[in-house]
PDB file of all heavy atoms in Angstrom:
ATOM      1  N   SER A   1       7.336  -9.167 -18.166  1.00  0.00           N
ATOM      2  CA  SER A   1       8.575  -8.987 -18.934  1.00  0.00           C
ATOM      3  C   SER A   1       8.479  -7.834 -19.930  1.00  0.00           C
ATOM      4  O   SER A   1       9.506  -7.326 -20.389  1.00  0.00           O
ATOM      5  CB  SER A   1       8.906 -10.281 -19.681  1.00  0.00           C
ATOM      6  OG  SER A   1       7.846 -10.634 -20.566  1.00  0.00           O
ATOM      7  N   GLU A   2       7.265  -7.425 -20.294  1.00  0.00           N
ATOM      8  CA  GLU A   2       7.120  -6.318 -21.229  1.00  0.00           C
ATOM      9  C   GLU A   2       7.559  -5.014 -20.556  1.00  0.00           C
ATOM     10  O   GLU A   2       7.373  -4.829 -19.357  1.00  0.00           O
ATOM     11  CB  GLU A   2       5.677  -6.203 -21.714  1.00  0.00           C
ATOM     12  CG  GLU A   2       5.195  -7.353 -22.576  1.00  0.00           C
ATOM     13  CD  GLU A   2       4.713  -8.542 -21.756  1.00  0.00           C
ATOM     14  OE1 GLU A   2       4.684  -8.435 -20.504  1.00  0.00           O
ATOM     15  OE2 GLU A   2       4.376  -9.577 -22.361  1.00  0.00           O
ATOM     16  N   PRO A   3       8.123  -4.087 -21.326  1.00  0.00           N
ATOM     17  CA  PRO A   3       8.703  -2.869 -20.717  1.00  0.00           C
ATOM     18  C   PRO A   3       7.688  -1.953 -20.047  1.00  0.00           C
ATOM     19  O   PRO A   3       8.073  -1.142 -19.202  1.00  0.00           O
ATOM     20  CB  PRO A   3       9.377  -2.165 -21.906  1.00  0.00           C
ATOM     21  CG  PRO A   3       8.731  -2.731 -23.126  1.00  0.00           C
ATOM     22  CD  PRO A   3       8.374  -4.140 -22.788  1.00  0.00           C
ATOM     23  N   ASP A   4       6.406  -2.054 -20.417  1.00  0.00           N
ATOM     24  CA  ASP A   4       5.413  -1.168 -19.809  1.00  0.00           C
ATOM     25  C   ASP A   4       4.733  -1.773 -18.587  1.00  0.00           C
ATOM     26  O   ASP A   4       3.833  -1.156 -18.008  1.00  0.00           O
ATOM     27  CB  ASP A   4       4.357  -0.750 -20.844  1.00  0.00           C
ATOM     28  CG  ASP A   4       3.599  -1.924 -21.436  1.00  0.00           C
ATOM     29  OD1 ASP A   4       4.135  -3.051 -21.404  1.00  0.00           O
ATOM     30  OD2 ASP A   4       2.475  -1.724 -21.945  1.00  0.00           O
ATOM     31  N   CYS A   5       5.136  -2.960 -18.169  1.00  0.00           N
ATOM     32  CA  CYS A   5       4.507  -3.603 -17.007  1.00  0.00           C
ATOM     33  C   CYS A   5       4.811  -2.821 -15.728  1.00  0.00           C
ATOM     34  O   CYS A   5       5.882  -2.215 -15.591  1.00  0.00           O
ATOM     35  CB  CYS A   5       5.001  -5.034 -16.853  1.00  0.00           C
ATOM     36  SG  CYS A   5       4.219  -6.203 -17.993  1.00  0.00           S
ATOM     37  N   PRO A   6       3.884  -2.817 -14.784  1.00  0.00           N
ATOM     38  CA  PRO A   6       4.134  -2.132 -13.508  1.00  0.00           C
ATOM     39  C   PRO A   6       5.373  -2.674 -12.807  1.00  0.00           C
ATOM     40  O   PRO A   6       5.648  -3.878 -12.844  1.00  0.00           O
ATOM     41  CB  PRO A   6       2.874  -2.428 -12.694  1.00  0.00           C
ATOM     42  CG  PRO A   6       1.816  -2.725 -13.703  1.00  0.00           C
ATOM     43  CD  PRO A   6       2.529  -3.407 -14.831  1.00  0.00           C
ATOM     44  N   ALA A   7       6.105  -1.765 -12.167  1.00  0.00           N
ATOM     45  CA  ALA A   7       7.291  -2.146 -11.406  1.00  0.00           C
ATOM     46  C   ALA A   7       6.945  -2.174  -9.925  1.00  0.00           C
ATOM     47  O   ALA A   7       6.307  -1.247  -9.410  1.00  0.00           O
ATOM     48  CB  ALA A   7       8.423  -1.166 -11.663  1.00  0.00           C
ATOM     49  N   LEU A   8       7.369  -3.238  -9.237  1.00  0.00           N
ATOM     50  CA  LEU A   8       7.150  -3.337  -7.795  1.00  0.00           C
ATOM     51  C   LEU A   8       8.085  -2.372  -7.074  1.00  0.00           C
ATOM     52  O   LEU A   8       9.303  -2.473  -7.179  1.00  0.00           O
ATOM     53  CB  LEU A   8       7.386  -4.770  -7.327  1.00  0.00           C
ATOM     54  CG  LEU A   8       7.124  -5.045  -5.838  1.00  0.00           C
ATOM     55  CD1 LEU A   8       5.658  -4.806  -5.484  1.00  0.00           C
ATOM     56  CD2 LEU A   8       7.524  -6.486  -5.480  1.00  0.00           C
ATOM     57  N   VAL A   9       7.493  -1.428  -6.329  1.00  0.00           N
ATOM     58  CA  VAL A   9       8.273  -0.417  -5.617  1.00  0.00           C
ATOM     59  C   VAL A   9       8.596  -0.865  -4.205  1.00  0.00           C
ATOM     60  O   VAL A   9       9.739  -0.781  -3.747  1.00  0.00           O
ATOM     61  CB  VAL A   9       7.516   0.928  -5.574  1.00  0.00           C
ATOM     62  CG1 VAL A   9       8.261   1.954  -4.730  1.00  0.00           C
ATOM     63  CG2 VAL A   9       7.286   1.456  -6.977  1.00  0.00           C
ATOM     64  N   ASP A  10       7.584  -1.351  -3.488  1.00  0.00           N
ATOM     65  CA  ASP A  10       7.806  -1.714  -2.089  1.00  0.00           C
ATOM     66  C   ASP A  10       6.693  -2.645  -1.612  1.00  0.00           C
ATOM     67  O   ASP A  10       5.574  -2.636  -2.154  1.00  0.00           O
ATOM     68  CB  ASP A  10       7.836  -0.465  -1.209  1.00  0.00           C
ATOM     69  CG  ASP A  10       8.521  -0.694   0.132  1.00  0.00           C
ATOM     70  OD1 ASP A  10       9.147  -1.758   0.306  1.00  0.00           O
ATOM     71  OD2 ASP A  10       8.427   0.186   1.007  1.00  0.00           O
ATOM     72  N   VAL A  11       7.026  -3.437  -0.602  1.00  0.00           N
ATOM     73  CA  VAL A  11       6.071  -4.331   0.059  1.00  0.00           C
ATOM     74  C   VAL A  11       6.205  -4.127   1.563  1.00  0.00           C
ATOM     75  O   VAL A  11       7.310  -4.192   2.103  1.00  0.00           O
ATOM     76  CB  VAL A  11       6.329  -5.816  -0.273  1.00  0.00           C
ATOM     77  CG1 VAL A  11       5.287  -6.702   0.401  1.00  0.00           C
ATOM     78  CG2 VAL A  11       6.344  -6.055  -1.771  1.00  0.00           C
ATOM     79  N   LEU A  12       5.092  -3.866   2.238  1.00  0.00           N
ATOM     80  CA  LEU A  12       5.097  -3.710   3.688  1.00  0.00           C
ATOM     81  C   LEU A  12       4.288  -4.851   4.294  1.00  0.00           C
ATOM     82  O   LEU A  12       3.053  -4.842   4.237  1.00  0.00           O
ATOM     83  CB  LEU A  12       4.485  -2.362   4.087  1.00  0.00           C
ATOM     84  CG  LEU A  12       4.505  -2.041   5.585  1.00  0.00           C
ATOM     85  CD1 LEU A  12       5.949  -1.844   6.072  1.00  0.00           C
ATOM     86  CD2 LEU A  12       3.677  -0.795   5.884  1.00  0.00           C
ATOM     87  N   PRO A  13       4.958  -5.865   4.869  1.00  0.00           N
ATOM     88  CA  PRO A  13       4.210  -6.943   5.527  1.00  0.00           C
ATOM     89  C   PRO A  13       3.447  -6.417   6.742  1.00  0.00           C
ATOM     90  O   PRO A  13       3.921  -5.539   7.462  1.00  0.00           O
ATOM     91  CB  PRO A  13       5.297  -7.936   5.943  1.00  0.00           C
ATOM     92  CG  PRO A  13       6.480  -7.608   5.074  1.00  0.00           C
ATOM     93  CD  PRO A  13       6.399  -6.127   4.870  1.00  0.00           C
ATOM     94  N   ILE A  14       2.266  -6.936   6.965  1.00  0.00           N
ATOM     95  CA  ILE A  14       1.420  -6.550   8.092  1.00  0.00           C
ATOM     96  C   ILE A  14       1.296  -7.746   9.031  1.00  0.00           C
ATOM     97  O   ILE A  14       0.887  -8.829   8.619  1.00  0.00           O
ATOM     98  CB  ILE A  14       0.009  -6.123   7.625  1.00  0.00           C
ATOM     99  CG1 ILE A  14       0.097  -5.016   6.571  1.00  0.00           C
ATOM    100  CG2 ILE A  14      -0.836  -5.708   8.810  1.00  0.00           C
ATOM    101  CD1 ILE A  14       0.536  -3.679   7.081  1.00  0.00           C
ATOM    102  N   GLN A  15       1.645  -7.540  10.288  1.00  0.00           N
ATOM    103  CA  GLN A  15       1.579  -8.620  11.261  1.00  0.00           C
ATOM    104  C   GLN A  15       0.147  -8.770  11.777  1.00  0.00           C
ATOM    105  O   GLN A  15      -0.420  -7.845  12.336  1.00  0.00           O
ATOM    106  CB  GLN A  15       2.527  -8.338  12.433  1.00  0.00           C
ATOM    107  CG  GLN A  15       3.988  -8.244  12.040  1.00  0.00           C
ATOM    108  CD  GLN A  15       4.493  -9.510  11.373  1.00  0.00           C
ATOM    109  OE1 GLN A  15       4.233 -10.624  11.834  1.00  0.00           O
ATOM    110  NE2 GLN A  15       5.210  -9.345  10.264  1.00  0.00           N
ATOM    111  N   ASP A  16      -0.420  -9.945  11.555  1.00  0.00           N
ATOM    112  CA  ASP A  16      -1.769 -10.239  12.026  1.00  0.00           C
ATOM    113  C   ASP A  16      -1.894 -11.747  12.113  1.00  0.00           C
ATOM    114  O   ASP A  16      -1.897 -12.440  11.093  1.00  0.00           O
ATOM    115  CB  ASP A  16      -2.818  -9.664  11.065  1.00  0.00           C
ATOM    116  CG  ASP A  16      -4.240  -9.799  11.579  1.00  0.00           C
ATOM    117  OD1 ASP A  16      -4.494 -10.675  12.424  1.00  0.00           O
ATOM    118  OD2 ASP A  16      -5.114  -9.039  11.124  1.00  0.00           O
ATOM    119  N   THR A  17      -1.967 -12.277  13.327  1.00  0.00           N
ATOM    120  CA  THR A  17      -2.023 -13.723  13.522  1.00  0.00           C
ATOM    121  C   THR A  17      -3.447 -14.261  13.496  1.00  0.00           C
ATOM    122  O   THR A  17      -3.659 -15.451  13.693  1.00  0.00           O
ATOM    123  CB  THR A  17      -1.362 -14.111  14.858  1.00  0.00           C
ATOM    124  OG1 THR A  17      -2.033 -13.439  15.930  1.00  0.00           O
ATOM    125  CG2 THR A  17       0.116 -13.740  14.859  1.00  0.00           C
ATOM    126  N   SER A  18      -4.425 -13.400  13.244  1.00  0.00           N
ATOM    127  CA  SER A  18      -5.816 -13.843  13.164  1.00  0.00           C
ATOM    128  C   SER A  18      -6.077 -14.466  11.797  1.00  0.00           C
ATOM    129  O   SER A  18      -5.171 -14.645  10.980  1.00  0.00           O
ATOM    130  CB  SER A  18      -6.759 -12.661  13.391  1.00  0.00           C
ATOM    131  OG  SER A  18      -6.824 -11.862  12.224  1.00  0.00           O
ATOM    132  N   SER A  19      -7.341 -14.752  11.523  1.00  0.00           N
ATOM    133  CA  SER A  19      -7.718 -15.310  10.228  1.00  0.00           C
ATOM    134  C   SER A  19      -7.722 -14.267   9.127  1.00  0.00           C
ATOM    135  O   SER A  19      -7.926 -14.594   7.953  1.00  0.00           O
ATOM    136  CB  SER A  19      -9.115 -15.935  10.325  1.00  0.00           C
ATOM    137  OG  SER A  19     -10.072 -14.963  10.714  1.00  0.00           O
ATOM    138  N   GLY A  20      -7.524 -12.985   9.485  1.00  0.00           N
ATOM    139  CA  GLY A  20      -7.589 -11.911   8.502  1.00  0.00           C
ATOM    140  C   GLY A  20      -6.332 -11.095   8.426  1.00  0.00           C
ATOM    141  O   GLY A  20      -5.264 -11.487   8.908  1.00  0.00           O
ATOM    142  N   GLY A  21      -6.456  -9.923   7.821  1.00  0.00           N
ATOM    143  CA  GLY A  21      -5.339  -9.011   7.634  1.00  0.00           C
ATOM    144  C   GLY A  21      -5.854  -7.718   7.054  1.00  0.00           C
ATOM    145  O   GLY A  21      -7.039  -7.409   7.146  1.00  0.00           O
ATOM    146  N   PRO A  22      -4.982  -6.929   6.398  1.00  0.00           N
ATOM    147  CA  PRO A  22      -5.416  -5.624   5.876  1.00  0.00           C
ATOM    148  C   PRO A  22      -6.356  -5.779   4.680  1.00  0.00           C
ATOM    149  O   PRO A  22      -5.982  -6.339   3.653  1.00  0.00           O
ATOM    150  CB  PRO A  22      -4.102  -4.955   5.469  1.00  0.00           C
ATOM    151  CG  PRO A  22      -3.174  -6.101   5.183  1.00  0.00           C
ATOM    152  CD  PRO A  22      -3.553  -7.183   6.144  1.00  0.00           C
ATOM    153  N   HIS A  23      -7.562  -5.281   4.819  1.00  0.00           N
ATOM    154  CA  HIS A  23      -8.550  -5.382   3.754  1.00  0.00           C
ATOM    155  C   HIS A  23      -8.818  -4.041   3.091  1.00  0.00           C
ATOM    156  O   HIS A  23      -8.955  -3.961   1.882  1.00  0.00           O
ATOM    157  CB  HIS A  23      -9.861  -5.937   4.314  1.00  0.00           C
ATOM    158  CG  HIS A  23     -11.027  -5.793   3.380  1.00  0.00           C
ATOM    159  ND1 HIS A  23     -11.087  -6.444   2.170  1.00  0.00           N
ATOM    160  CD2 HIS A  23     -12.173  -5.055   3.467  1.00  0.00           C
ATOM    161  CE1 HIS A  23     -12.223  -6.136   1.556  1.00  0.00           C
ATOM    162  NE2 HIS A  23     -12.887  -5.290   2.304  1.00  0.00           N
ATOM    163  N   TRP A  24      -8.898  -2.972   3.889  1.00  0.00           N
ATOM    164  CA  TRP A  24      -9.315  -1.689   3.336  1.00  0.00           C
ATOM    165  C   TRP A  24      -8.290  -0.619   3.647  1.00  0.00           C
ATOM    166  O   TRP A  24      -7.513  -0.746   4.588  1.00  0.00           O
ATOM    167  CB  TRP A  24     -10.681  -1.284   3.872  1.00  0.00           C
ATOM    168  CG  TRP A  24     -11.357  -0.310   2.968  1.00  0.00           C
ATOM    169  CD1 TRP A  24     -11.636   1.011   3.217  1.00  0.00           C
ATOM    170  CD2 TRP A  24     -11.811  -0.562   1.643  1.00  0.00           C
ATOM    171  NE1 TRP A  24     -12.236   1.574   2.115  1.00  0.00           N
ATOM    172  CE2 TRP A  24     -12.353   0.633   1.134  1.00  0.00           C
ATOM    173  CE3 TRP A  24     -11.800  -1.704   0.820  1.00  0.00           C
ATOM    174  CZ2 TRP A  24     -12.891   0.732  -0.153  1.00  0.00           C
ATOM    175  CZ3 TRP A  24     -12.333  -1.608  -0.453  1.00  0.00           C
ATOM    176  CH2 TRP A  24     -12.870  -0.394  -0.923  1.00  0.00           C
ATOM    177  N   GLY A  25      -8.318   0.445   2.857  1.00  0.00           N
ATOM    178  CA  GLY A  25      -7.391   1.528   3.077  1.00  0.00           C
ATOM    179  C   GLY A  25      -7.902   2.820   2.478  1.00  0.00           C
ATOM    180  O   GLY A  25      -8.941   2.856   1.806  1.00  0.00           O
ATOM    181  N   THR A  26      -7.164   3.891   2.704  1.00  0.00           N
ATOM    182  CA  THR A  26      -7.499   5.192   2.138  1.00  0.00           C
ATOM    183  C   THR A  26      -6.252   6.050   2.057  1.00  0.00           C
ATOM    184  O   THR A  26      -5.286   5.833   2.800  1.00  0.00           O
ATOM    185  CB  THR A  26      -8.595   5.898   2.963  1.00  0.00           C
ATOM    186  OG1 THR A  26      -9.092   7.026   2.242  1.00  0.00           O
ATOM    187  CG2 THR A  26      -8.060   6.361   4.308  1.00  0.00           C
ATOM    188  N   LEU A  27      -6.271   7.025   1.147  1.00  0.00           N
ATOM    189  CA  LEU A  27      -5.165   7.961   0.972  1.00  0.00           C
ATOM    190  C   LEU A  27      -5.406   9.232   1.774  1.00  0.00           C
ATOM    191  O   LEU A  27      -6.540   9.691   1.894  1.00  0.00           O
ATOM    192  CB  LEU A  27      -5.036   8.352  -0.500  1.00  0.00           C
ATOM    193  CG  LEU A  27      -4.920   7.270  -1.560  1.00  0.00           C
ATOM    194  CD1 LEU A  27      -4.891   7.923  -2.943  1.00  0.00           C
ATOM    195  CD2 LEU A  27      -3.678   6.431  -1.354  1.00  0.00           C
ATOM    196  N   ASP A  28      -4.334   9.814   2.266  1.00  0.00           N
ATOM    197  CA  ASP A  28      -4.406  11.132   2.906  1.00  0.00           C
ATOM    198  C   ASP A  28      -4.169  12.180   1.826  1.00  0.00           C
ATOM    199  O   ASP A  28      -3.048  12.349   1.343  1.00  0.00           O
ATOM    200  CB  ASP A  28      -3.353  11.233   4.009  1.00  0.00           C
ATOM    201  CG  ASP A  28      -3.421  12.563   4.764  1.00  0.00           C
ATOM    202  OD1 ASP A  28      -4.287  13.396   4.423  1.00  0.00           O
ATOM    203  OD2 ASP A  28      -2.607  12.761   5.679  1.00  0.00           O
ATOM    204  N   ASN A  29      -5.223  12.901   1.461  1.00  0.00           N
ATOM    205  CA  ASN A  29      -5.137  13.887   0.387  1.00  0.00           C
ATOM    206  C   ASN A  29      -5.071  15.317   0.908  1.00  0.00           C
ATOM    207  O   ASN A  29      -5.473  16.253   0.220  1.00  0.00           O
ATOM    208  CB  ASN A  29      -6.331  13.743  -0.570  1.00  0.00           C
ATOM    209  CG  ASN A  29      -7.678  13.847   0.138  1.00  0.00           C
ATOM    210  OD1 ASN A  29      -7.878  13.254   1.189  1.00  0.00           O
ATOM    211  ND2 ASN A  29      -8.626  14.576  -0.437  1.00  0.00           N
ATOM    212  N   PHE A  30      -4.533  15.472   2.139  1.00  0.00           N
ATOM    213  CA  PHE A  30      -4.434  16.804   2.738  1.00  0.00           C
ATOM    214  C   PHE A  30      -2.999  17.088   3.184  1.00  0.00           C
ATOM    215  O   PHE A  30      -2.271  16.178   3.591  1.00  0.00           O
ATOM    216  CB  PHE A  30      -5.381  16.938   3.932  1.00  0.00           C
ATOM    217  CG  PHE A  30      -6.816  16.712   3.569  1.00  0.00           C
ATOM    218  CD1 PHE A  30      -7.450  15.516   3.894  1.00  0.00           C
ATOM    219  CD2 PHE A  30      -7.527  17.673   2.871  1.00  0.00           C
ATOM    220  CE1 PHE A  30      -8.763  15.301   3.536  1.00  0.00           C
ATOM    221  CE2 PHE A  30      -8.853  17.461   2.518  1.00  0.00           C
ATOM    222  CZ  PHE A  30      -9.473  16.266   2.844  1.00  0.00           C
ATOM    223  N   ALA A  31      -2.627  18.372   3.118  1.00  0.00           N
ATOM    224  CA  ALA A  31      -1.319  18.810   3.603  1.00  0.00           C
ATOM    225  C   ALA A  31      -1.508  20.166   4.278  1.00  0.00           C
ATOM    226  O   ALA A  31      -2.307  20.999   3.827  1.00  0.00           O
ATOM    227  CB  ALA A  31      -0.319  18.908   2.458  1.00  0.00           C
ATOM    228  N   LEU A  32      -0.752  20.385   5.350  1.00  0.00           N
ATOM    229  CA  LEU A  32      -0.816  21.646   6.080  1.00  0.00           C
ATOM    230  C   LEU A  32       0.021  22.688   5.351  1.00  0.00           C
ATOM    231  O   LEU A  32       1.199  22.471   5.081  1.00  0.00           O
ATOM    232  CB  LEU A  32      -0.310  21.446   7.504  1.00  0.00           C
ATOM    233  CG  LEU A  32      -0.530  22.602   8.485  1.00  0.00           C
ATOM    234  CD1 LEU A  32      -2.029  22.854   8.685  1.00  0.00           C
ATOM    235  CD2 LEU A  32       0.137  22.294   9.825  1.00  0.00           C
ATOM    236  N   GLY A  33      -0.625  23.818   5.011  1.00  0.00           N
ATOM    237  CA  GLY A  33       0.067  24.855   4.266  1.00  0.00           C
ATOM    238  C   GLY A  33       0.767  25.863   5.160  1.00  0.00           C
ATOM    239  O   GLY A  33       0.607  25.878   6.393  1.00  0.00           O
ATOM    240  N   ALA A  34       1.554  26.732   4.538  1.00  0.00           N
ATOM    241  CA  ALA A  34       2.281  27.765   5.276  1.00  0.00           C
ATOM    242  C   ALA A  34       1.329  28.760   5.939  1.00  0.00           C
ATOM    243  O   ALA A  34       1.709  29.456   6.889  1.00  0.00           O
ATOM    244  CB  ALA A  34       3.224  28.502   4.326  1.00  0.00           C
TER     245      ALA A  34
END
């Protein structure tokens, strides 16, 4: 409720019927230049 609290932007559900789901991830820090 405090004004500086993080705001939820988006949630992407991941379909996985096993005992697990998404555990790890990484960012793409590259872009193709002109």
